[in-house]
Amino acid sequence: MAAEANVAAADVPSAHGPSPKRLFGTDGVRGGAGDFLTPELALALGRGAATVSPVESPQVLIVRDTRESGHMLETALAAGVAAAGGQALLGGVLPTPGAALLVRRFGFDLGAVVSASHNPFQDNGIKFFGPDGTKLSHSEEARVEEAVRARSDGALGMEKRPGRVRELHGSSSDYLRELEGRFSGLDLTNVHVLLDCANGATYRVAPEIFRRLGAEVTAVAVQPDGRNINQECGSTHLEGLTGRMADEDFDIGFAFDGDGDRVLAVDRRGEVVDGDELIALAALHLRGRGSLPGGGVAVTVMTNYGFHQAMEAAGVRVATTPVGDRHVLLELIERGWALGGEQSGHIIDTKFVPSGDGIAAALLTLEALAGRDLAERDSMRKLPQRLVNVRVADAARLESATSIWEAVAREGELLDGRGRVLVRPSGTEPVVRVMVEAPEPSECDEVTRRLVSTVEHELG
């Protein structure tokens, strides 16, 4: 099934400019390339972002992933920046965290990434980063959107002297240099690593940094053709990687997504190691060497209950946020902590970059293992988890469905201290998500069955 876009079909701009509905979704502006996300909209977004910048002629770093629409949208976005008097710097293909890192490292005023992450090639997106390397806040995105709508006639209207568009050579080398500096003490000699680069933004830099650190590297999905990004590969399609890990002689495997801001690992037996376990490994490692500010980590409501049990036993504090790496990052900043992430593989270490970084997270995992076998990991015990998407007539009715919340409270009380339940509406489709974690699979299945039945009865 195709990944969900951040906008609905009703939000598609008209031929005369963007529609009055909101452009920015949960992770920038995202939708069908050439359909929703047109060159005209990309130009308007570039012009809007440069216009609202407090800097007279902002320097804007623009990078992209490997989608065939990336060149078109990158060019249009850069034209918009220049039309508003800004300086557009084209960094080429680079993982999303590379933009966040280099904006902060070199003092650029804005960063822009042209990517739709794990979505299929037909989609694309644009997201912006501020000078501190973090994504623009919702209020800042609203100002960009307001500037876009103020010029919905599409006219350039050159109030300022036009800026420039130029290539920024060496962005990949700069990113690799930062990774090499952070992990200079990591020796991967005699470690045989299998990498799945999703035919995306990591296809060059990921194999290169592992080789520089001494690893023997086998890399797959490193031949992007503009259309094969995330296609039966990467962190959303692990079958090929798990099969090879189980059948061949590799020590560890990593799978990145299309824009390189998330990673999942696979051990030598072919078992998937998700973000929860990778964060647990990292937390115990960093705390052990005195590099876990505040002694805590931030994770989302989807994080396995076993993670919470393990962190409590280890004396590591845990903050829980809504789903989304933006929420995790805001929590880290507010608390002055550094480490957090999501089960899906977004792992953030703000001491390196204030963004999920799949490559850095993979290297952090190897640093935490310190030569140990990932298959023998013991940082946490995952509880069996069941997640069921229940299609309903109106997910918004969940909030007032007293009988459902009574059932949730009842089941939660039965699992208190041993597991948990989570029921929440989808933000993009008429679905209620029912998640249950319990010590045994049979109990997990039974609690899930009862809750799903209640949701179907009340909202179906």
Protein backbone atom coordinates (compact mmCIF):
# COMPACT_ATOMS: atom_id res chain seq x y z
CA MET A 1 0.00 0.00 0.00
CA ALA A 2 1.34 3.43 -0.89
CA ALA A 3 2.55 5.52 2.00
CA GLU A 4 0.28 8.32 3.14
CA ALA A 5 0.96 11.84 1.94
CA ASN A 6 0.87 14.74 4.38
CA VAL A 7 -1.99 16.40 2.57
CA ALA A 8 -5.34 15.32 1.26
CA ALA A 9 -6.44 15.48 -2.35
CA ALA A 10 -8.67 18.40 -1.48
CA ASP A 11 -5.58 20.44 -0.61
CA VAL A 12 -4.19 20.36 -4.16
CA PRO A 13 -3.47 23.91 -5.40
CA SER A 14 -5.57 25.22 -8.22
CA ALA A 15 -4.17 26.35 -11.54
CA HIS A 16 -4.20 29.91 -10.19
CA GLY A 17 -2.16 29.15 -7.09
CA PRO A 18 -2.37 27.26 -3.79
CA SER A 19 -5.79 26.45 -2.38
CA PRO A 20 -6.89 28.15 0.84
CA LYS A 21 -6.30 24.96 2.81
CA ARG A 22 -3.16 24.32 4.81
CA LEU A 23 -0.02 23.45 2.86
CA PHE A 24 2.26 22.24 5.63
CA GLY A 25 1.54 18.84 7.14
CA THR A 26 3.28 16.85 9.83
CA ASP A 27 6.61 16.90 8.01
CA GLY A 28 6.71 19.84 5.64
CA VAL A 29 4.76 20.10 2.40
CA ARG A 30 4.29 16.70 0.78
CA GLY A 31 2.21 15.20 -2.01
CA GLY A 32 2.21 14.01 -5.60
CA ALA A 33 5.08 15.52 -7.58
CA GLY A 34 3.76 17.63 -10.46
CA ASP A 35 0.23 17.13 -9.15
CA PHE A 36 0.09 18.69 -5.72
CA LEU A 37 3.73 19.67 -5.39
CA THR A 38 4.21 21.53 -8.67
CA PRO A 39 7.20 23.65 -9.74
CA GLU A 40 4.96 26.70 -9.24
CA LEU A 41 4.31 25.74 -5.62
CA ALA A 42 7.99 24.96 -5.03
CA LEU A 43 8.93 28.39 -6.39
CA ALA A 44 6.32 30.02 -4.15
CA LEU A 45 7.63 28.15 -1.10
CA GLY A 46 11.22 29.17 -1.82
CA ARG A 47 10.20 32.78 -2.28
CA GLY A 48 8.01 32.67 0.84
CA ALA A 49 10.75 31.17 3.02
CA ALA A 50 13.32 33.71 1.87
CA THR A 51 10.82 36.58 2.23
CA VAL A 52 9.98 35.88 5.88
CA SER A 53 13.61 35.30 6.87
CA PRO A 54 14.87 38.02 9.22
CA VAL A 55 18.03 38.20 7.07
CA GLU A 56 17.98 40.61 4.12
CA SER A 57 19.53 38.16 1.67
CA PRO A 58 19.39 34.72 3.35
CA GLN A 59 21.72 31.90 2.39
CA VAL A 60 19.58 28.82 1.83
CA LEU A 61 21.10 25.35 1.52
CA ILE A 62 18.99 23.05 -0.69
CA VAL A 63 19.53 19.28 -0.84
CA ARG A 64 17.41 16.45 -2.22
CA ASP A 65 17.02 12.72 -2.43
CA THR A 66 17.15 10.65 -5.64
CA ARG A 67 13.58 10.96 -6.95
CA GLU A 68 13.22 11.85 -10.62
CA SER A 69 11.21 14.95 -9.67
CA GLY A 70 13.98 16.20 -7.38
CA HIS A 71 15.87 18.18 -10.04
CA MET A 72 12.70 19.95 -11.15
CA LEU A 73 11.59 20.93 -7.65
CA GLU A 74 15.10 21.82 -6.49
CA THR A 75 15.46 24.21 -9.41
CA ALA A 76 12.08 25.82 -8.82
CA LEU A 77 12.69 26.15 -5.10
CA ALA A 78 16.05 27.81 -5.77
CA ALA A 79 14.44 30.21 -8.26
CA GLY A 80 11.96 31.24 -5.59
CA VAL A 81 14.74 31.92 -3.09
CA ALA A 82 16.60 34.03 -5.64
CA ALA A 83 13.43 35.90 -6.62
CA ALA A 84 13.16 37.10 -3.03
CA GLY A 85 16.77 38.25 -3.04
CA GLY A 86 18.19 35.17 -1.33
CA GLN A 87 21.25 33.07 -2.13
CA ALA A 88 20.33 29.48 -3.04
CA LEU A 89 23.11 26.94 -2.54
CA LEU A 90 22.51 23.59 -4.24
CA GLY A 91 24.08 20.78 -2.25
CA GLY A 92 22.85 17.93 -4.45
CA VAL A 93 21.88 14.50 -3.14
CA LEU A 94 22.38 14.36 0.62
CA PRO A 95 20.54 12.75 3.56
CA THR A 96 18.10 15.02 5.38
CA PRO A 97 20.26 15.18 8.52
CA GLY A 98 23.14 16.39 6.35
CA ALA A 99 21.17 19.56 5.66
CA ALA A 100 20.43 20.09 9.36
CA LEU A 101 24.07 19.51 10.22
CA LEU A 102 25.61 21.73 7.55
CA VAL A 103 23.18 24.62 8.08
CA ARG A 104 24.34 24.80 11.66
CA ARG A 105 27.97 24.01 10.93
CA PHE A 106 28.44 26.72 8.29
CA GLY A 107 26.03 29.34 9.59
CA PHE A 108 23.50 29.25 6.76
CA ASP A 109 20.21 31.03 7.38
CA LEU A 110 17.91 28.26 6.17
CA GLY A 111 18.03 24.70 4.95
CA ALA A 112 15.54 23.05 2.59
CA VAL A 113 15.22 19.36 1.80
CA VAL A 114 13.40 18.11 -1.29
CA SER A 115 12.27 14.63 -0.30
CA ALA A 116 9.23 12.52 0.55
CA SER A 117 11.20 10.26 2.91
CA HIS A 118 9.83 6.69 2.77
CA ASN A 119 7.03 7.47 0.29
CA PRO A 120 7.12 6.05 -3.27
CA PHE A 121 8.87 7.97 -6.05
CA GLN A 122 5.63 9.56 -7.33
CA ASP A 123 5.53 11.73 -4.19
CA ASN A 124 7.90 14.46 -3.16
CA GLY A 125 8.09 17.06 -0.43
CA ILE A 126 9.81 20.18 0.85
CA LYS A 127 10.74 20.82 4.47
CA PHE A 128 12.70 23.68 5.96
CA PHE A 129 15.30 23.90 8.71
CA GLY A 130 16.24 26.99 10.66
CA PRO A 131 19.79 28.25 11.35
CA ASP A 132 20.02 26.06 14.48
CA GLY A 133 19.46 22.93 12.39
CA THR A 134 15.96 22.21 13.68
CA LYS A 135 12.82 22.06 11.55
CA LEU A 136 10.87 25.29 11.37
CA SER A 137 8.22 25.53 14.07
CA HIS A 138 4.54 25.42 13.16
CA SER A 139 4.32 29.19 13.62
CA GLU A 140 7.29 29.75 11.30
CA GLU A 141 5.77 27.42 8.71
CA ALA A 142 2.54 29.41 9.01
CA ARG A 143 4.44 32.61 8.18
CA VAL A 144 5.92 30.96 5.08
CA GLU A 145 2.48 29.78 4.08
CA GLU A 146 1.04 33.25 4.60
CA ALA A 147 3.72 34.67 2.31
CA VAL A 148 2.87 32.04 -0.31
CA ARG A 149 -0.81 32.92 -0.22
CA ALA A 150 -0.10 36.64 -0.37
CA ARG A 151 1.38 36.04 -3.83
CA SER A 152 -1.04 33.38 -5.06
CA ASP A 153 -1.25 35.08 -8.45
CA GLY A 154 2.12 33.49 -9.26
CA ALA A 155 3.75 36.78 -10.34
CA LEU A 156 7.39 37.18 -9.35
CA GLY A 157 7.03 40.85 -8.48
CA MET A 158 10.73 41.66 -8.07
CA GLU A 159 10.69 44.12 -5.16
CA LYS A 160 14.32 43.25 -4.47
CA ARG A 161 17.38 42.79 -6.56
CA PRO A 162 17.39 39.08 -7.46
CA GLY A 163 19.73 36.78 -5.57
CA ARG A 164 21.89 34.02 -6.96
CA VAL A 165 21.69 30.27 -7.48
CA ARG A 166 24.92 28.34 -7.34
CA GLU A 167 26.16 24.85 -6.62
CA LEU A 168 27.71 24.10 -3.25
CA HIS A 169 30.47 21.65 -4.05
CA GLY A 170 31.64 19.18 -1.45
CA SER A 171 28.50 18.93 0.71
CA SER A 172 28.81 15.14 0.86
CA SER A 173 32.46 15.44 1.86
CA ASP A 174 31.53 17.94 4.58
CA TYR A 175 28.87 15.61 5.96
CA LEU A 176 31.26 12.63 5.89
CA ARG A 177 33.88 14.71 7.67
CA GLU A 178 31.44 15.48 10.48
CA LEU A 179 30.53 11.80 10.84
CA GLU A 180 34.19 10.81 10.81
CA GLY A 181 34.97 13.34 13.51
CA ARG A 182 32.15 12.18 15.77
CA PHE A 183 33.05 8.49 15.44
CA SER A 184 36.82 8.84 15.18
CA GLY A 185 37.31 6.31 17.98
CA LEU A 186 35.19 3.62 16.31
CA ASP A 187 37.31 0.90 14.71
CA LEU A 188 35.25 -1.40 12.45
CA THR A 189 38.14 -3.51 11.21
CA ASN A 190 37.00 -7.11 10.55
CA VAL A 191 33.31 -6.14 10.87
CA HIS A 192 31.35 -7.28 7.81
CA VAL A 193 28.38 -4.95 7.36
CA LEU A 194 25.43 -5.30 4.98
CA LEU A 195 23.80 -1.95 4.12
CA ASP A 196 20.47 -1.38 2.35
CA CYS A 197 20.48 2.22 1.13
CA ALA A 198 16.94 2.21 -0.31
CA ASN A 199 18.22 3.62 -3.62
CA GLY A 200 17.95 6.91 -1.79
CA ALA A 201 19.99 9.73 -0.31
CA THR A 202 22.43 7.49 1.60
CA TYR A 203 23.52 5.46 -1.41
CA ARG A 204 26.99 7.04 -1.60
CA VAL A 205 27.74 8.40 1.85
CA ALA A 206 26.66 5.40 3.95
CA PRO A 207 28.99 2.82 2.35
CA GLU A 208 31.79 5.40 2.29
CA ILE A 209 31.77 6.23 6.02
CA PHE A 210 31.64 2.56 7.01
CA ARG A 211 34.62 1.86 4.76
CA ARG A 212 36.55 4.83 6.17
CA LEU A 213 36.06 3.38 9.66
CA GLY A 214 37.50 0.05 8.55
CA ALA A 215 34.44 -2.09 7.91
CA GLU A 216 34.08 -4.63 5.14
CA VAL A 217 30.99 -3.29 3.38
CA THR A 218 28.43 -4.96 1.15
CA ALA A 219 25.85 -2.43 -0.02
CA VAL A 220 22.56 -3.08 -1.82
CA ALA A 221 19.96 -0.69 -3.28
CA VAL A 222 22.72 1.72 -4.31
CA GLN A 223 21.73 2.19 -7.95
CA PRO A 224 19.03 4.88 -7.92
CA ASP A 225 17.26 5.49 -11.22
CA GLY A 226 14.83 8.14 -10.01
CA ARG A 227 11.97 5.68 -9.63
CA ASN A 228 13.30 2.83 -7.49
CA ILE A 229 13.70 4.77 -4.25
CA ASN A 230 12.12 2.71 -1.40
CA GLN A 231 10.93 0.16 -3.96
CA GLU A 232 11.04 -3.22 -2.22
CA CYS A 233 14.08 -2.05 -0.29
CA GLY A 234 15.09 0.12 2.63
CA SER A 235 13.72 0.28 6.15
CA THR A 236 10.12 -0.19 5.00
CA HIS A 237 10.87 -3.39 3.04
CA LEU A 238 13.24 -5.51 5.08
CA GLU A 239 12.60 -8.91 3.54
CA GLY A 240 15.64 -8.90 1.26
CA LEU A 241 17.98 -7.74 4.01
CA THR A 242 16.72 -10.21 6.62
CA GLY A 243 17.01 -13.06 4.13
CA ARG A 244 20.61 -12.28 3.25
CA MET A 245 21.58 -11.77 6.88
CA ALA A 246 20.20 -15.20 7.77
CA ASP A 247 21.75 -16.96 4.78
CA GLU A 248 25.14 -15.26 4.43
CA ASP A 249 28.07 -14.43 6.66
CA PHE A 250 27.49 -10.84 7.82
CA ASP A 251 28.02 -9.51 11.33
CA ILE A 252 25.29 -6.87 11.22
CA GLY A 253 22.94 -5.20 8.76
CA PHE A 254 21.36 -1.76 8.54
CA ALA A 255 18.50 -0.49 6.39
CA PHE A 256 17.95 3.23 5.78
CA ASP A 257 14.90 4.99 4.37
CA GLY A 258 14.82 7.17 1.26
CA ASP A 259 16.02 10.40 2.86
CA GLY A 260 18.31 8.78 5.41
CA ASP A 261 16.79 10.09 8.64
CA ARG A 262 15.86 6.65 9.98
CA VAL A 263 17.44 3.22 10.30
CA LEU A 264 16.56 -0.29 11.39
CA ALA A 265 19.11 -2.99 12.15
CA VAL A 266 19.17 -6.72 11.46
CA ASP A 267 21.30 -9.17 13.45
CA ARG A 268 23.30 -12.07 11.99
CA ARG A 269 20.33 -14.43 12.46
CA GLY A 270 18.07 -12.22 10.35
CA GLU A 271 16.07 -10.76 13.25
CA VAL A 272 14.96 -7.13 12.95
CA VAL A 273 16.09 -4.75 15.68
CA ASP A 274 13.81 -1.70 15.75
CA GLY A 275 14.30 1.82 17.03
CA ASP A 276 13.23 0.97 20.58
CA GLU A 277 16.06 -1.53 21.02
CA LEU A 278 18.60 0.70 19.28
CA ILE A 279 17.71 3.63 21.56
CA ALA A 280 17.95 1.37 24.61
CA LEU A 281 21.42 0.23 23.54
CA ALA A 282 22.50 3.82 22.96
CA ALA A 283 21.04 5.08 26.23
CA LEU A 284 22.87 2.54 28.37
CA HIS A 285 26.10 3.10 26.44
CA LEU A 286 25.99 6.91 26.64
CA ARG A 287 25.00 6.90 30.30
CA GLY A 288 27.88 4.55 31.05
CA ARG A 289 30.40 7.00 29.68
CA GLY A 290 28.75 10.09 31.14
CA SER A 291 27.38 11.35 27.83
CA LEU A 292 23.64 11.22 28.50
CA PRO A 293 22.64 14.77 29.49
CA GLY A 294 19.98 14.83 32.19
CA GLY A 295 20.14 11.06 32.49
CA GLY A 296 17.07 10.69 30.30
CA VAL A 297 15.67 9.83 26.88
CA ALA A 298 12.56 10.94 25.00
CA VAL A 299 10.41 8.45 23.09
CA THR A 300 6.85 8.32 21.76
CA VAL A 301 3.64 6.67 22.92
CA MET A 302 4.35 3.83 20.45
CA THR A 303 7.54 2.79 22.24
CA ASN A 304 7.41 -0.76 23.57
CA TYR A 305 6.59 -1.14 27.26
CA GLY A 306 9.66 -3.31 27.63
CA PHE A 307 11.77 -0.22 26.92
CA HIS A 308 10.21 1.59 29.88
CA GLN A 309 10.81 -1.41 32.13
CA ALA A 310 14.47 -1.63 31.07
CA MET A 311 15.11 2.09 31.52
CA GLU A 312 13.45 2.10 34.94
CA ALA A 313 15.65 -0.81 36.03
CA ALA A 314 18.74 1.03 34.75
CA GLY A 315 17.83 4.33 36.40
CA VAL A 316 17.34 6.19 33.10
CA ARG A 317 14.51 8.72 33.02
CA VAL A 318 11.99 8.50 30.16
CA ALA A 319 9.77 11.24 28.71
CA THR A 320 6.91 10.19 26.42
CA THR A 321 5.63 12.34 23.54
CA PRO A 322 3.03 12.05 20.77
CA VAL A 323 4.10 10.23 17.61
CA GLY A 324 6.51 12.21 15.42
CA ASP A 325 10.21 13.05 15.56
CA ARG A 326 9.31 16.75 15.81
CA HIS A 327 7.65 16.11 19.19
CA VAL A 328 10.63 14.08 20.39
CA LEU A 329 13.06 16.82 19.45
CA LEU A 330 11.01 19.54 21.16
CA GLU A 331 10.94 17.44 24.34
CA LEU A 332 14.71 16.97 24.22
CA ILE A 333 15.30 20.68 23.75
CA GLU A 334 12.89 21.62 26.54
CA ARG A 335 14.51 19.21 29.01
CA GLY A 336 18.10 19.76 27.92
CA TRP A 337 18.45 16.09 27.02
CA ALA A 338 20.18 14.70 23.94
CA LEU A 339 18.91 11.21 23.05
CA GLY A 340 15.49 10.19 21.79
CA GLY A 341 13.57 8.71 18.93
CA GLU A 342 10.88 6.44 17.61
CA GLN A 343 10.27 2.75 17.15
CA SER A 344 10.29 3.35 13.38
CA GLY A 345 14.00 4.16 13.48
CA HIS A 346 14.13 7.94 13.82
CA ILE A 347 16.96 8.25 16.36
CA ILE A 348 18.14 11.68 17.46
CA ASP A 349 21.34 12.57 19.25
CA THR A 350 21.30 16.34 19.50
CA LYS A 351 24.96 16.37 20.53
CA PHE A 352 25.64 15.50 16.88
CA VAL A 353 22.67 16.88 14.95
CA PRO A 354 19.14 17.95 15.99
CA SER A 355 17.52 15.54 13.55
CA GLY A 356 17.04 11.85 13.04
CA ASP A 357 20.19 10.56 11.35
CA GLY A 358 20.14 6.96 10.16
CA ILE A 359 23.86 6.70 9.44
CA ALA A 360 24.89 8.29 12.75
CA ALA A 361 22.44 6.02 14.59
CA ALA A 362 23.90 2.93 12.91
CA LEU A 363 27.41 3.98 13.92
CA LEU A 364 26.21 4.77 17.44
CA THR A 365 24.80 1.24 17.63
CA LEU A 366 28.19 -0.24 16.72
CA GLU A 367 29.88 2.08 19.21
CA ALA A 368 27.46 0.91 21.90
CA LEU A 369 28.04 -2.75 21.07
CA ALA A 370 31.82 -2.27 21.41
CA GLY A 371 32.56 -5.46 19.50
CA ARG A 372 29.70 -7.48 20.96
CA ASP A 373 27.27 -9.42 18.78
CA LEU A 374 23.96 -7.65 18.13
CA ALA A 375 22.28 -11.07 18.23
CA GLU A 376 23.26 -11.32 21.92
CA ARG A 377 21.85 -7.89 22.85
CA ASP A 378 20.33 -7.59 26.30
CA SER A 379 19.48 -3.91 26.72
CA MET A 380 15.73 -4.60 26.93
CA ARG A 381 13.13 -7.34 26.59
CA LYS A 382 10.47 -6.48 24.06
CA LEU A 383 6.93 -7.31 25.06
CA PRO A 384 4.68 -8.89 22.43
CA GLN A 385 2.84 -6.09 20.66
CA ARG A 386 -0.29 -6.11 18.52
CA LEU A 387 -1.43 -3.14 16.43
CA VAL A 388 -4.78 -3.25 14.63
CA ASN A 389 -6.17 -0.45 12.45
CA VAL A 390 -9.94 -0.50 12.85
CA ARG A 391 -11.76 1.23 10.00
CA VAL A 392 -14.67 3.27 11.36
CA ALA A 393 -17.31 5.67 10.04
CA ASP A 394 -15.91 8.68 11.92
CA ALA A 395 -12.70 8.46 13.94
CA ALA A 396 -13.42 11.87 15.52
CA ARG A 397 -16.25 10.27 17.53
CA LEU A 398 -13.68 8.32 19.52
CA GLU A 399 -13.12 11.26 21.87
CA SER A 400 -16.69 11.09 23.22
CA ALA A 401 -17.08 7.28 23.10
CA THR A 402 -17.38 6.67 26.84
CA SER A 403 -17.77 2.89 26.58
CA ILE A 404 -14.51 2.61 24.63
CA TRP A 405 -12.57 4.60 27.19
CA GLU A 406 -14.09 2.54 29.98
CA ALA A 407 -12.87 -0.60 28.20
CA VAL A 408 -9.43 0.94 27.74
CA ALA A 409 -9.25 1.78 31.45
CA ARG A 410 -10.39 -1.70 32.40
CA GLU A 411 -7.86 -3.47 30.20
CA GLY A 412 -5.11 -1.06 31.24
CA GLU A 413 -5.77 -1.79 34.89
CA LEU A 414 -5.48 -5.54 34.25
CA LEU A 415 -2.11 -4.98 32.58
CA ASP A 416 -0.83 -2.38 35.06
CA GLY A 417 2.87 -2.92 35.66
CA ARG A 418 3.01 -5.72 33.08
CA GLY A 419 1.97 -4.07 29.80
CA ARG A 420 -0.30 -1.40 28.38
CA VAL A 421 -2.99 -0.45 25.88
CA LEU A 422 -3.16 2.52 23.53
CA VAL A 423 -6.18 3.56 21.48
CA ARG A 424 -5.97 6.63 19.27
CA PRO A 425 -7.51 7.99 16.06
CA SER A 426 -5.52 8.33 12.86
CA GLY A 427 -4.91 11.89 11.80
CA THR A 428 -5.18 11.12 8.08
CA GLU A 429 -7.86 8.43 7.56
CA PRO A 430 -11.06 7.06 9.19
CA VAL A 431 -9.16 4.59 11.33
CA VAL A 432 -8.80 3.97 15.05
CA ARG A 433 -5.49 2.38 16.01
CA VAL A 434 -5.61 -0.21 18.78
CA MET A 435 -2.26 -1.22 20.26
CA VAL A 436 -1.74 -3.74 23.06
CA GLU A 437 1.42 -4.94 24.78
CA ALA A 438 1.41 -7.83 27.24
CA PRO A 439 3.93 -10.32 28.67
CA GLU A 440 2.58 -13.24 26.62
CA PRO A 441 1.36 -13.33 23.00
CA SER A 442 -1.88 -15.10 23.95
CA GLU A 443 -2.84 -12.42 26.47
CA CYS A 444 -1.85 -9.72 23.98
CA ASP A 445 -4.12 -11.26 21.34
CA GLU A 446 -7.05 -11.63 23.73
CA VAL A 447 -6.93 -8.04 25.00
CA THR A 448 -6.60 -6.78 21.42
CA ARG A 449 -9.61 -8.84 20.33
CA ARG A 450 -11.79 -7.41 23.10
CA LEU A 451 -10.80 -3.80 22.41
CA VAL A 452 -11.18 -4.11 18.64
CA SER A 453 -14.64 -5.61 19.14
CA THR A 454 -15.63 -2.68 21.36
CA VAL A 455 -14.37 -0.09 18.86
CA GLU A 456 -16.16 -1.82 15.98
CA HIS A 457 -19.41 -2.01 17.93
CA GLU A 458 -19.33 1.64 19.01
CA LEU A 459 -17.89 3.34 15.93
CA GLY A 460 -18.25 0.87 13.07
